[in-house]
Amino acid sequence: MSPAVVVLLLIAGLSEALGRLLPVIARRSGTSRSVVAGLLLTGAVVEGTVFALWPLTAWSLAQLVQPAPPPDVVVPAWTPGQLAPLVLAAVLAFPLLGPLLHLLLLVAVGAGLAGPLGAATGLGWWAAAGCVAVAGLGLALAVEAVRRMVGTIGATGAAEPQP
């Protein structure tokens, strides 16, 4: 992975984390800056990692659909050109700025990822797009489950009386 891709993944992750955390932080007025910074940094790394795993997860699903890849196969990876719309989509994760536009941009990024995946695996575009969609949905559901679990633990921990 090139340094430009890593930086764009971190920016996309930070932006996604900001979009998810700011509404929660706005409701809690007593949150310290160090806790917010820690949550943002952790969220940026987690979201960036999920974005980085998207092509690899789609590749793994494509291998399940077509177990015999063509010779001289290169696993599809992010390029800066593919990540630029993802960074924009992450910026638009803010709930009031356009969840529908956020979803449409993620679909466009996934469609852009389907072409290289289809070429690398020999699958048709629609089958590759299905693998990309299932991979993206699976990763999103996994992250959402972890988010809810952490939120529940955080809310439960905050409700306990301090000695």
N, C-alpha and C. Protein backbone atom coordinates (compact mmCIF):
# COMPACT_ATOMS: atom_id res chain seq x y z
N MET A 1 0.84 -1.16 0.00
CA MET A 1 0.00 0.00 0.00
C MET A 1 0.90 1.24 0.00
N SER A 2 0.59 2.15 -0.86
CA SER A 2 1.40 3.36 -0.96
C SER A 2 1.09 4.30 0.20
N PRO A 3 2.03 5.20 0.51
CA PRO A 3 1.78 6.16 1.60
C PRO A 3 0.56 7.04 1.34
N ALA A 4 0.31 7.39 0.08
CA ALA A 4 -0.85 8.22 -0.23
C ALA A 4 -2.15 7.48 0.09
N VAL A 5 -2.19 6.18 -0.18
CA VAL A 5 -3.37 5.38 0.12
C VAL A 5 -3.58 5.29 1.64
N VAL A 6 -2.49 5.09 2.37
CA VAL A 6 -2.59 5.01 3.83
C VAL A 6 -3.11 6.32 4.41
N VAL A 7 -2.60 7.44 3.92
CA VAL A 7 -3.05 8.75 4.41
C VAL A 7 -4.53 8.96 4.07
N LEU A 8 -4.93 8.62 2.85
CA LEU A 8 -6.34 8.78 2.47
C LEU A 8 -7.24 7.86 3.29
N LEU A 9 -6.78 6.65 3.59
CA LEU A 9 -7.57 5.75 4.43
C LEU A 9 -7.73 6.32 5.84
N LEU A 10 -6.66 6.88 6.39
CA LEU A 10 -6.75 7.49 7.72
C LEU A 10 -7.65 8.72 7.72
N ILE A 11 -7.58 9.53 6.67
CA ILE A 11 -8.45 10.70 6.58
C ILE A 11 -9.91 10.25 6.46
N ALA A 12 -10.15 9.25 5.63
CA ALA A 12 -11.52 8.73 5.49
C ALA A 12 -12.00 8.15 6.82
N GLY A 13 -11.13 7.43 7.51
CA GLY A 13 -11.49 6.86 8.81
C GLY A 13 -11.77 7.93 9.85
N LEU A 14 -10.92 8.97 9.89
CA LEU A 14 -11.13 10.07 10.83
C LEU A 14 -12.43 10.80 10.52
N SER A 15 -12.67 11.02 9.26
CA SER A 15 -13.88 11.71 8.86
C SER A 15 -15.12 10.90 9.21
N GLU A 16 -15.06 9.61 8.97
CA GLU A 16 -16.20 8.73 9.32
C GLU A 16 -16.40 8.72 10.84
N ALA A 17 -15.30 8.65 11.58
CA ALA A 17 -15.39 8.66 13.04
C ALA A 17 -15.97 9.97 13.55
N LEU A 18 -15.56 11.09 12.95
CA LEU A 18 -16.13 12.39 13.33
C LEU A 18 -17.63 12.41 13.09
N GLY A 19 -18.03 11.89 11.94
CA GLY A 19 -19.45 11.89 11.61
C GLY A 19 -20.27 11.03 12.55
N ARG A 20 -19.66 9.98 13.07
CA ARG A 20 -20.38 9.08 13.99
C ARG A 20 -20.32 9.58 15.43
N LEU A 21 -19.21 10.19 15.83
CA LEU A 21 -19.02 10.55 17.23
C LEU A 21 -19.58 11.92 17.61
N LEU A 22 -19.53 12.88 16.71
CA LEU A 22 -19.96 14.23 17.07
C LEU A 22 -21.41 14.30 17.59
N PRO A 23 -22.36 13.61 16.98
CA PRO A 23 -23.71 13.66 17.55
C PRO A 23 -23.77 13.07 18.96
N VAL A 24 -23.01 12.03 19.21
CA VAL A 24 -22.99 11.42 20.55
C VAL A 24 -22.34 12.36 21.55
N ILE A 25 -21.23 12.97 21.16
CA ILE A 25 -20.51 13.87 22.05
C ILE A 25 -21.33 15.13 22.33
N ALA A 26 -22.08 15.58 21.33
CA ALA A 26 -22.90 16.78 21.52
C ALA A 26 -23.97 16.56 22.59
N ARG A 27 -24.44 15.32 22.72
CA ARG A 27 -25.46 15.02 23.73
C ARG A 27 -24.87 14.90 25.13
N ARG A 28 -23.57 14.65 25.21
CA ARG A 28 -22.90 14.52 26.51
C ARG A 28 -22.00 15.72 26.72
N SER A 29 -22.42 16.62 27.56
CA SER A 29 -21.66 17.86 27.73
C SER A 29 -20.43 17.68 28.62
N GLY A 30 -20.39 16.64 29.43
CA GLY A 30 -19.29 16.49 30.38
C GLY A 30 -18.13 15.65 29.88
N THR A 31 -18.07 15.37 28.60
CA THR A 31 -16.99 14.55 28.06
C THR A 31 -15.72 15.37 27.95
N SER A 32 -14.62 14.82 28.49
CA SER A 32 -13.36 15.56 28.45
C SER A 32 -12.73 15.51 27.05
N ARG A 33 -11.87 16.45 26.79
CA ARG A 33 -11.22 16.53 25.49
C ARG A 33 -10.31 15.34 25.24
N SER A 34 -9.66 14.85 26.28
CA SER A 34 -8.77 13.70 26.08
C SER A 34 -9.55 12.45 25.72
N VAL A 35 -10.73 12.28 26.30
CA VAL A 35 -11.59 11.14 25.95
C VAL A 35 -12.06 11.27 24.51
N VAL A 36 -12.47 12.46 24.12
CA VAL A 36 -12.93 12.70 22.75
C VAL A 36 -11.78 12.44 21.77
N ALA A 37 -10.60 12.94 22.07
CA ALA A 37 -9.45 12.72 21.19
C ALA A 37 -9.13 11.23 21.08
N GLY A 38 -9.18 10.53 22.20
CA GLY A 38 -8.92 9.09 22.18
C GLY A 38 -9.96 8.34 21.36
N LEU A 39 -11.23 8.72 21.52
CA LEU A 39 -12.29 8.09 20.74
C LEU A 39 -12.13 8.37 19.25
N LEU A 40 -11.78 9.61 18.91
CA LEU A 40 -11.59 9.96 17.50
C LEU A 40 -10.42 9.20 16.89
N LEU A 41 -9.33 9.12 17.61
CA LEU A 41 -8.16 8.40 17.10
C LEU A 41 -8.47 6.92 16.93
N THR A 42 -9.10 6.33 17.93
CA THR A 42 -9.47 4.92 17.84
C THR A 42 -10.46 4.70 16.70
N GLY A 43 -11.45 5.56 16.61
CA GLY A 43 -12.43 5.45 15.53
C GLY A 43 -11.80 5.60 14.16
N ALA A 44 -10.84 6.52 14.02
CA ALA A 44 -10.17 6.71 12.74
C ALA A 44 -9.40 5.46 12.33
N VAL A 45 -8.71 4.86 13.27
CA VAL A 45 -7.95 3.64 12.96
C VAL A 45 -8.89 2.49 12.61
N VAL A 46 -9.95 2.35 13.38
CA VAL A 46 -10.91 1.26 13.12
C VAL A 46 -11.58 1.45 11.76
N GLU A 47 -12.10 2.64 11.51
CA GLU A 47 -12.78 2.90 10.24
C GLU A 47 -11.82 2.79 9.05
N GLY A 48 -10.61 3.32 9.21
CA GLY A 48 -9.62 3.20 8.14
C GLY A 48 -9.26 1.75 7.87
N THR A 49 -9.18 0.95 8.92
CA THR A 49 -8.89 -0.48 8.75
C THR A 49 -10.04 -1.18 8.04
N VAL A 50 -11.26 -0.83 8.39
CA VAL A 50 -12.42 -1.43 7.73
C VAL A 50 -12.42 -1.06 6.25
N PHE A 51 -12.14 0.21 5.95
CA PHE A 51 -12.06 0.62 4.54
C PHE A 51 -10.95 -0.14 3.82
N ALA A 52 -9.81 -0.33 4.48
CA ALA A 52 -8.69 -1.05 3.86
C ALA A 52 -9.04 -2.52 3.63
N LEU A 53 -9.86 -3.09 4.49
CA LEU A 53 -10.23 -4.51 4.36
C LEU A 53 -11.32 -4.76 3.33
N TRP A 54 -11.98 -3.74 2.89
CA TRP A 54 -13.10 -3.92 1.96
C TRP A 54 -12.69 -4.67 0.69
N PRO A 55 -11.63 -4.24 -0.04
CA PRO A 55 -11.25 -4.99 -1.25
C PRO A 55 -10.81 -6.42 -0.94
N LEU A 56 -10.09 -6.61 0.16
CA LEU A 56 -9.62 -7.94 0.52
C LEU A 56 -10.79 -8.87 0.87
N THR A 57 -11.76 -8.34 1.58
CA THR A 57 -12.94 -9.13 1.92
C THR A 57 -13.74 -9.47 0.67
N ALA A 58 -13.89 -8.52 -0.23
CA ALA A 58 -14.58 -8.79 -1.50
C ALA A 58 -13.82 -9.84 -2.31
N TRP A 59 -12.50 -9.77 -2.30
CA TRP A 59 -11.66 -10.75 -3.00
C TRP A 59 -11.89 -12.14 -2.40
N SER A 60 -11.94 -12.23 -1.09
CA SER A 60 -12.17 -13.52 -0.42
C SER A 60 -13.53 -14.09 -0.78
N LEU A 61 -14.55 -13.24 -0.82
CA LEU A 61 -15.87 -13.70 -1.22
C LEU A 61 -15.88 -14.15 -2.67
N ALA A 62 -15.17 -13.43 -3.53
CA ALA A 62 -15.09 -13.82 -4.94
C ALA A 62 -14.41 -15.18 -5.08
N GLN A 63 -13.45 -15.46 -4.23
CA GLN A 63 -12.78 -16.77 -4.27
C GLN A 63 -13.73 -17.88 -3.86
N LEU A 64 -14.69 -17.59 -3.00
CA LEU A 64 -15.69 -18.58 -2.64
C LEU A 64 -16.64 -18.85 -3.79
N VAL A 65 -16.94 -17.81 -4.56
CA VAL A 65 -17.84 -17.96 -5.71
C VAL A 65 -17.14 -18.68 -6.85
N GLN A 66 -15.89 -18.33 -7.10
CA GLN A 66 -15.11 -18.94 -8.19
C GLN A 66 -13.77 -19.37 -7.60
N PRO A 67 -13.66 -20.64 -7.14
CA PRO A 67 -12.46 -21.07 -6.42
C PRO A 67 -11.19 -21.15 -7.26
N ALA A 68 -11.28 -21.23 -8.56
CA ALA A 68 -10.07 -21.35 -9.38
C ALA A 68 -9.80 -20.02 -10.08
N PRO A 69 -8.95 -19.17 -9.47
CA PRO A 69 -8.67 -17.87 -10.11
C PRO A 69 -7.82 -18.06 -11.36
N PRO A 70 -7.94 -17.15 -12.31
CA PRO A 70 -7.08 -17.22 -13.49
C PRO A 70 -5.62 -17.03 -13.10
N PRO A 71 -4.68 -17.52 -13.93
CA PRO A 71 -3.26 -17.35 -13.60
C PRO A 71 -2.86 -15.87 -13.61
N ASP A 72 -1.75 -15.58 -12.93
CA ASP A 72 -1.22 -14.20 -12.83
C ASP A 72 -2.24 -13.25 -12.21
N VAL A 73 -2.81 -13.67 -11.12
CA VAL A 73 -3.84 -12.88 -10.46
C VAL A 73 -3.20 -11.92 -9.47
N VAL A 74 -3.66 -10.68 -9.49
CA VAL A 74 -3.22 -9.68 -8.53
C VAL A 74 -4.45 -9.27 -7.72
N VAL A 75 -4.34 -9.34 -6.40
CA VAL A 75 -5.45 -8.97 -5.54
C VAL A 75 -5.73 -7.48 -5.70
N PRO A 76 -6.98 -7.11 -5.97
CA PRO A 76 -7.30 -5.69 -6.11
C PRO A 76 -7.01 -4.93 -4.81
N ALA A 77 -6.50 -3.74 -4.95
CA ALA A 77 -6.19 -2.90 -3.79
C ALA A 77 -6.64 -1.48 -4.10
N TRP A 78 -6.72 -0.67 -3.06
CA TRP A 78 -7.13 0.71 -3.24
C TRP A 78 -6.07 1.49 -4.00
N THR A 79 -6.55 2.43 -4.78
CA THR A 79 -5.68 3.42 -5.42
C THR A 79 -6.15 4.78 -4.93
N PRO A 80 -5.29 5.80 -5.00
CA PRO A 80 -5.74 7.13 -4.56
C PRO A 80 -6.98 7.62 -5.32
N GLY A 81 -7.10 7.28 -6.59
CA GLY A 81 -8.26 7.69 -7.36
C GLY A 81 -9.55 7.04 -6.88
N GLN A 82 -9.46 5.80 -6.42
CA GLN A 82 -10.64 5.13 -5.89
C GLN A 82 -11.00 5.64 -4.50
N LEU A 83 -10.00 6.06 -3.75
CA LEU A 83 -10.24 6.49 -2.37
C LEU A 83 -10.77 7.91 -2.25
N ALA A 84 -10.54 8.74 -3.25
CA ALA A 84 -11.00 10.13 -3.16
C ALA A 84 -12.51 10.22 -2.94
N PRO A 85 -13.33 9.49 -3.70
CA PRO A 85 -14.78 9.55 -3.39
C PRO A 85 -15.11 8.96 -2.02
N LEU A 86 -14.32 7.99 -1.55
CA LEU A 86 -14.56 7.41 -0.24
C LEU A 86 -14.32 8.44 0.86
N VAL A 87 -13.30 9.27 0.69
CA VAL A 87 -13.05 10.34 1.65
C VAL A 87 -14.22 11.31 1.66
N LEU A 88 -14.74 11.64 0.49
CA LEU A 88 -15.90 12.52 0.40
C LEU A 88 -17.12 11.86 1.04
N ALA A 89 -17.30 10.57 0.81
CA ALA A 89 -18.42 9.85 1.41
C ALA A 89 -18.32 9.85 2.92
N ALA A 90 -17.10 9.71 3.43
CA ALA A 90 -16.90 9.71 4.88
C ALA A 90 -17.22 11.09 5.46
N VAL A 91 -16.84 12.14 4.75
CA VAL A 91 -17.16 13.49 5.22
C VAL A 91 -18.66 13.66 5.32
N LEU A 92 -19.38 13.05 4.39
CA LEU A 92 -20.83 13.18 4.37
C LEU A 92 -21.52 12.21 5.32
N ALA A 93 -20.75 11.55 6.20
CA ALA A 93 -21.36 10.65 7.18
C ALA A 93 -22.07 11.42 8.27
N PHE A 94 -21.81 12.72 8.36
CA PHE A 94 -22.51 13.52 9.36
C PHE A 94 -24.01 13.35 9.14
N PRO A 95 -24.74 13.02 10.17
CA PRO A 95 -26.16 12.67 10.00
C PRO A 95 -27.00 13.74 9.32
N LEU A 96 -26.72 15.00 9.56
CA LEU A 96 -27.57 16.04 8.98
C LEU A 96 -27.11 16.50 7.60
N LEU A 97 -25.93 16.07 7.16
CA LEU A 97 -25.42 16.53 5.87
C LEU A 97 -25.82 15.66 4.70
N GLY A 98 -26.45 14.55 4.95
CA GLY A 98 -26.93 13.78 3.81
C GLY A 98 -26.64 12.30 3.86
N PRO A 99 -27.37 11.55 4.66
CA PRO A 99 -27.16 10.10 4.69
C PRO A 99 -27.41 9.44 3.34
N LEU A 100 -28.37 9.94 2.56
CA LEU A 100 -28.64 9.35 1.26
C LEU A 100 -27.46 9.59 0.30
N LEU A 101 -26.91 10.79 0.31
CA LEU A 101 -25.74 11.08 -0.52
C LEU A 101 -24.55 10.24 -0.07
N HIS A 102 -24.39 10.06 1.23
CA HIS A 102 -23.33 9.20 1.78
C HIS A 102 -23.48 7.79 1.23
N LEU A 103 -24.69 7.26 1.25
CA LEU A 103 -24.94 5.91 0.75
C LEU A 103 -24.68 5.83 -0.76
N LEU A 104 -25.12 6.83 -1.50
CA LEU A 104 -24.91 6.82 -2.95
C LEU A 104 -23.42 6.86 -3.30
N LEU A 105 -22.64 7.64 -2.57
CA LEU A 105 -21.21 7.68 -2.82
C LEU A 105 -20.54 6.35 -2.47
N LEU A 106 -20.98 5.72 -1.38
CA LEU A 106 -20.43 4.41 -1.04
C LEU A 106 -20.77 3.38 -2.11
N VAL A 107 -21.96 3.45 -2.67
CA VAL A 107 -22.34 2.56 -3.77
C VAL A 107 -21.46 2.83 -4.99
N ALA A 108 -21.20 4.10 -5.28
CA ALA A 108 -20.34 4.44 -6.41
C ALA A 108 -18.91 3.94 -6.20
N VAL A 109 -18.40 4.07 -4.98
CA VAL A 109 -17.06 3.57 -4.67
C VAL A 109 -17.04 2.05 -4.82
N GLY A 110 -18.07 1.38 -4.33
CA GLY A 110 -18.16 -0.07 -4.49
C GLY A 110 -18.24 -0.48 -5.94
N ALA A 111 -18.97 0.26 -6.75
CA ALA A 111 -19.06 -0.04 -8.18
C ALA A 111 -17.70 0.13 -8.84
N GLY A 112 -16.95 1.14 -8.41
CA GLY A 112 -15.60 1.32 -8.94
C GLY A 112 -14.67 0.20 -8.53
N LEU A 113 -14.91 -0.39 -7.39
CA LEU A 113 -14.10 -1.51 -6.90
C LEU A 113 -14.48 -2.82 -7.60
N ALA A 114 -15.72 -2.90 -8.10
CA ALA A 114 -16.19 -4.13 -8.74
C ALA A 114 -15.47 -4.39 -10.06
N GLY A 115 -15.14 -3.36 -10.80
CA GLY A 115 -14.44 -3.53 -12.08
C GLY A 115 -13.11 -4.24 -11.93
N PRO A 116 -12.19 -3.71 -11.09
CA PRO A 116 -10.91 -4.39 -10.89
C PRO A 116 -11.06 -5.79 -10.28
N LEU A 117 -12.04 -5.97 -9.40
CA LEU A 117 -12.26 -7.29 -8.81
C LEU A 117 -12.72 -8.28 -9.87
N GLY A 118 -13.64 -7.86 -10.71
CA GLY A 118 -14.11 -8.73 -11.79
C GLY A 118 -12.99 -9.09 -12.76
N ALA A 119 -12.15 -8.12 -13.09
CA ALA A 119 -11.03 -8.39 -14.00
C ALA A 119 -10.01 -9.33 -13.36
N ALA A 120 -9.78 -9.18 -12.06
CA ALA A 120 -8.78 -10.02 -11.39
C ALA A 120 -9.25 -11.44 -11.17
N THR A 121 -10.55 -11.63 -10.98
CA THR A 121 -11.06 -12.96 -10.66
C THR A 121 -11.68 -13.67 -11.84
N GLY A 122 -11.98 -12.95 -12.89
CA GLY A 122 -12.65 -13.57 -14.03
C GLY A 122 -14.15 -13.63 -13.87
N LEU A 123 -14.67 -13.08 -12.79
CA LEU A 123 -16.12 -13.01 -12.60
C LEU A 123 -16.68 -11.90 -13.48
N GLY A 124 -17.95 -11.98 -13.75
CA GLY A 124 -18.62 -10.89 -14.44
C GLY A 124 -18.75 -9.69 -13.52
N TRP A 125 -19.08 -8.53 -14.10
CA TRP A 125 -19.17 -7.32 -13.30
C TRP A 125 -20.24 -7.45 -12.22
N TRP A 126 -21.39 -8.01 -12.56
CA TRP A 126 -22.48 -8.12 -11.59
C TRP A 126 -22.11 -9.03 -10.43
N ALA A 127 -21.46 -10.15 -10.72
CA ALA A 127 -21.04 -11.06 -9.64
C ALA A 127 -20.00 -10.38 -8.76
N ALA A 128 -19.06 -9.66 -9.38
CA ALA A 128 -18.06 -8.94 -8.60
C ALA A 128 -18.70 -7.84 -7.78
N ALA A 129 -19.67 -7.14 -8.35
CA ALA A 129 -20.39 -6.10 -7.61
C ALA A 129 -21.14 -6.71 -6.43
N GLY A 130 -21.70 -7.89 -6.62
CA GLY A 130 -22.36 -8.58 -5.51
C GLY A 130 -21.38 -8.92 -4.40
N CYS A 131 -20.19 -9.38 -4.76
CA CYS A 131 -19.16 -9.68 -3.75
C CYS A 131 -18.74 -8.42 -3.00
N VAL A 132 -18.57 -7.32 -3.73
CA VAL A 132 -18.21 -6.05 -3.10
C VAL A 132 -19.32 -5.58 -2.16
N ALA A 133 -20.58 -5.71 -2.61
CA ALA A 133 -21.71 -5.27 -1.79
C ALA A 133 -21.84 -6.11 -0.52
N VAL A 134 -21.71 -7.43 -0.65
CA VAL A 134 -21.82 -8.30 0.51
C VAL A 134 -20.67 -8.04 1.47
N ALA A 135 -19.47 -7.84 0.93
CA ALA A 135 -18.31 -7.54 1.79
C ALA A 135 -18.50 -6.22 2.52
N GLY A 136 -18.94 -5.19 1.81
CA GLY A 136 -19.17 -3.89 2.45
C GLY A 136 -20.27 -3.95 3.49
N LEU A 137 -21.34 -4.65 3.19
CA LEU A 137 -22.44 -4.77 4.14
C LEU A 137 -22.00 -5.57 5.38
N GLY A 138 -21.26 -6.64 5.17
CA GLY A 138 -20.78 -7.44 6.29
C GLY A 138 -19.84 -6.66 7.19
N LEU A 139 -18.91 -5.92 6.59
CA LEU A 139 -18.00 -5.10 7.39
C LEU A 139 -18.76 -4.00 8.13
N ALA A 140 -19.72 -3.38 7.46
CA ALA A 140 -20.50 -2.32 8.10
C ALA A 140 -21.31 -2.86 9.28
N LEU A 141 -21.91 -4.03 9.11
CA LEU A 141 -22.67 -4.62 10.20
C LEU A 141 -21.77 -5.00 11.37
N ALA A 142 -20.59 -5.52 11.07
CA ALA A 142 -19.66 -5.88 12.14
C ALA A 142 -19.22 -4.64 12.92
N VAL A 143 -18.90 -3.57 12.22
CA VAL A 143 -18.48 -2.34 12.89
C VAL A 143 -19.64 -1.74 13.68
N GLU A 144 -20.83 -1.79 13.12
CA GLU A 144 -21.99 -1.25 13.84
C GLU A 144 -22.27 -2.05 15.11
N ALA A 145 -22.10 -3.36 15.04
CA ALA A 145 -22.30 -4.19 16.24
C ALA A 145 -21.29 -3.83 17.32
N VAL A 146 -20.03 -3.64 16.92
CA VAL A 146 -19.00 -3.25 17.89
C VAL A 146 -19.29 -1.86 18.44
N ARG A 147 -19.72 -0.93 17.58
CA ARG A 147 -20.07 0.42 18.02
C ARG A 147 -21.17 0.39 19.08
N ARG A 148 -22.20 -0.38 18.81
CA ARG A 148 -23.32 -0.47 19.76
C ARG A 148 -22.88 -1.12 21.07
N MET A 149 -22.02 -2.14 20.97
CA MET A 149 -21.54 -2.80 22.18
C MET A 149 -20.70 -1.83 23.01
N VAL A 150 -19.81 -1.10 22.37
CA VAL A 150 -18.99 -0.13 23.08
C VAL A 150 -19.87 0.98 23.66
N GLY A 151 -20.87 1.43 22.90
CA GLY A 151 -21.79 2.45 23.41
C GLY A 151 -22.57 1.96 24.61
N THR A 152 -23.00 0.71 24.57
CA THR A 152 -23.73 0.15 25.69
C THR A 152 -22.83 0.01 26.91
N ILE A 153 -21.63 -0.47 26.70
CA ILE A 153 -20.68 -0.60 27.81
C ILE A 153 -20.35 0.78 28.38
N GLY A 154 -20.14 1.75 27.49
CA GLY A 154 -19.83 3.11 27.94
C GLY A 154 -20.99 3.73 28.71
N ALA A 155 -22.20 3.50 28.23
CA ALA A 155 -23.37 4.06 28.92
C ALA A 155 -23.58 3.37 30.26
N THR A 156 -23.36 2.06 30.31
CA THR A 156 -23.51 1.33 31.56
C THR A 156 -22.44 1.75 32.55
N GLY A 157 -21.21 1.91 32.06
CA GLY A 157 -20.11 2.33 32.95
C GLY A 157 -20.33 3.73 33.47
N ALA A 158 -20.95 4.59 32.69
CA ALA A 158 -21.18 5.98 33.14
C ALA A 158 -22.30 6.03 34.16
N ALA A 159 -23.22 5.06 34.12
CA ALA A 159 -24.36 5.07 35.04
C ALA A 159 -24.01 4.52 36.40
N GLU A 160 -22.89 3.80 36.51
CA GLU A 160 -22.51 3.23 37.81
C GLU A 160 -22.07 4.33 38.76
N PRO A 161 -22.45 4.23 40.03
CA PRO A 161 -22.03 5.25 41.00
C PRO A 161 -20.53 5.17 41.26
N GLN A 162 -19.92 6.32 41.38
CA GLN A 162 -18.49 6.39 41.67
C GLN A 162 -18.28 6.40 43.17
N PRO A 163 -17.31 5.61 43.70
CA PRO A 163 -17.09 5.58 45.15
C PRO A 163 -16.47 6.84 45.68
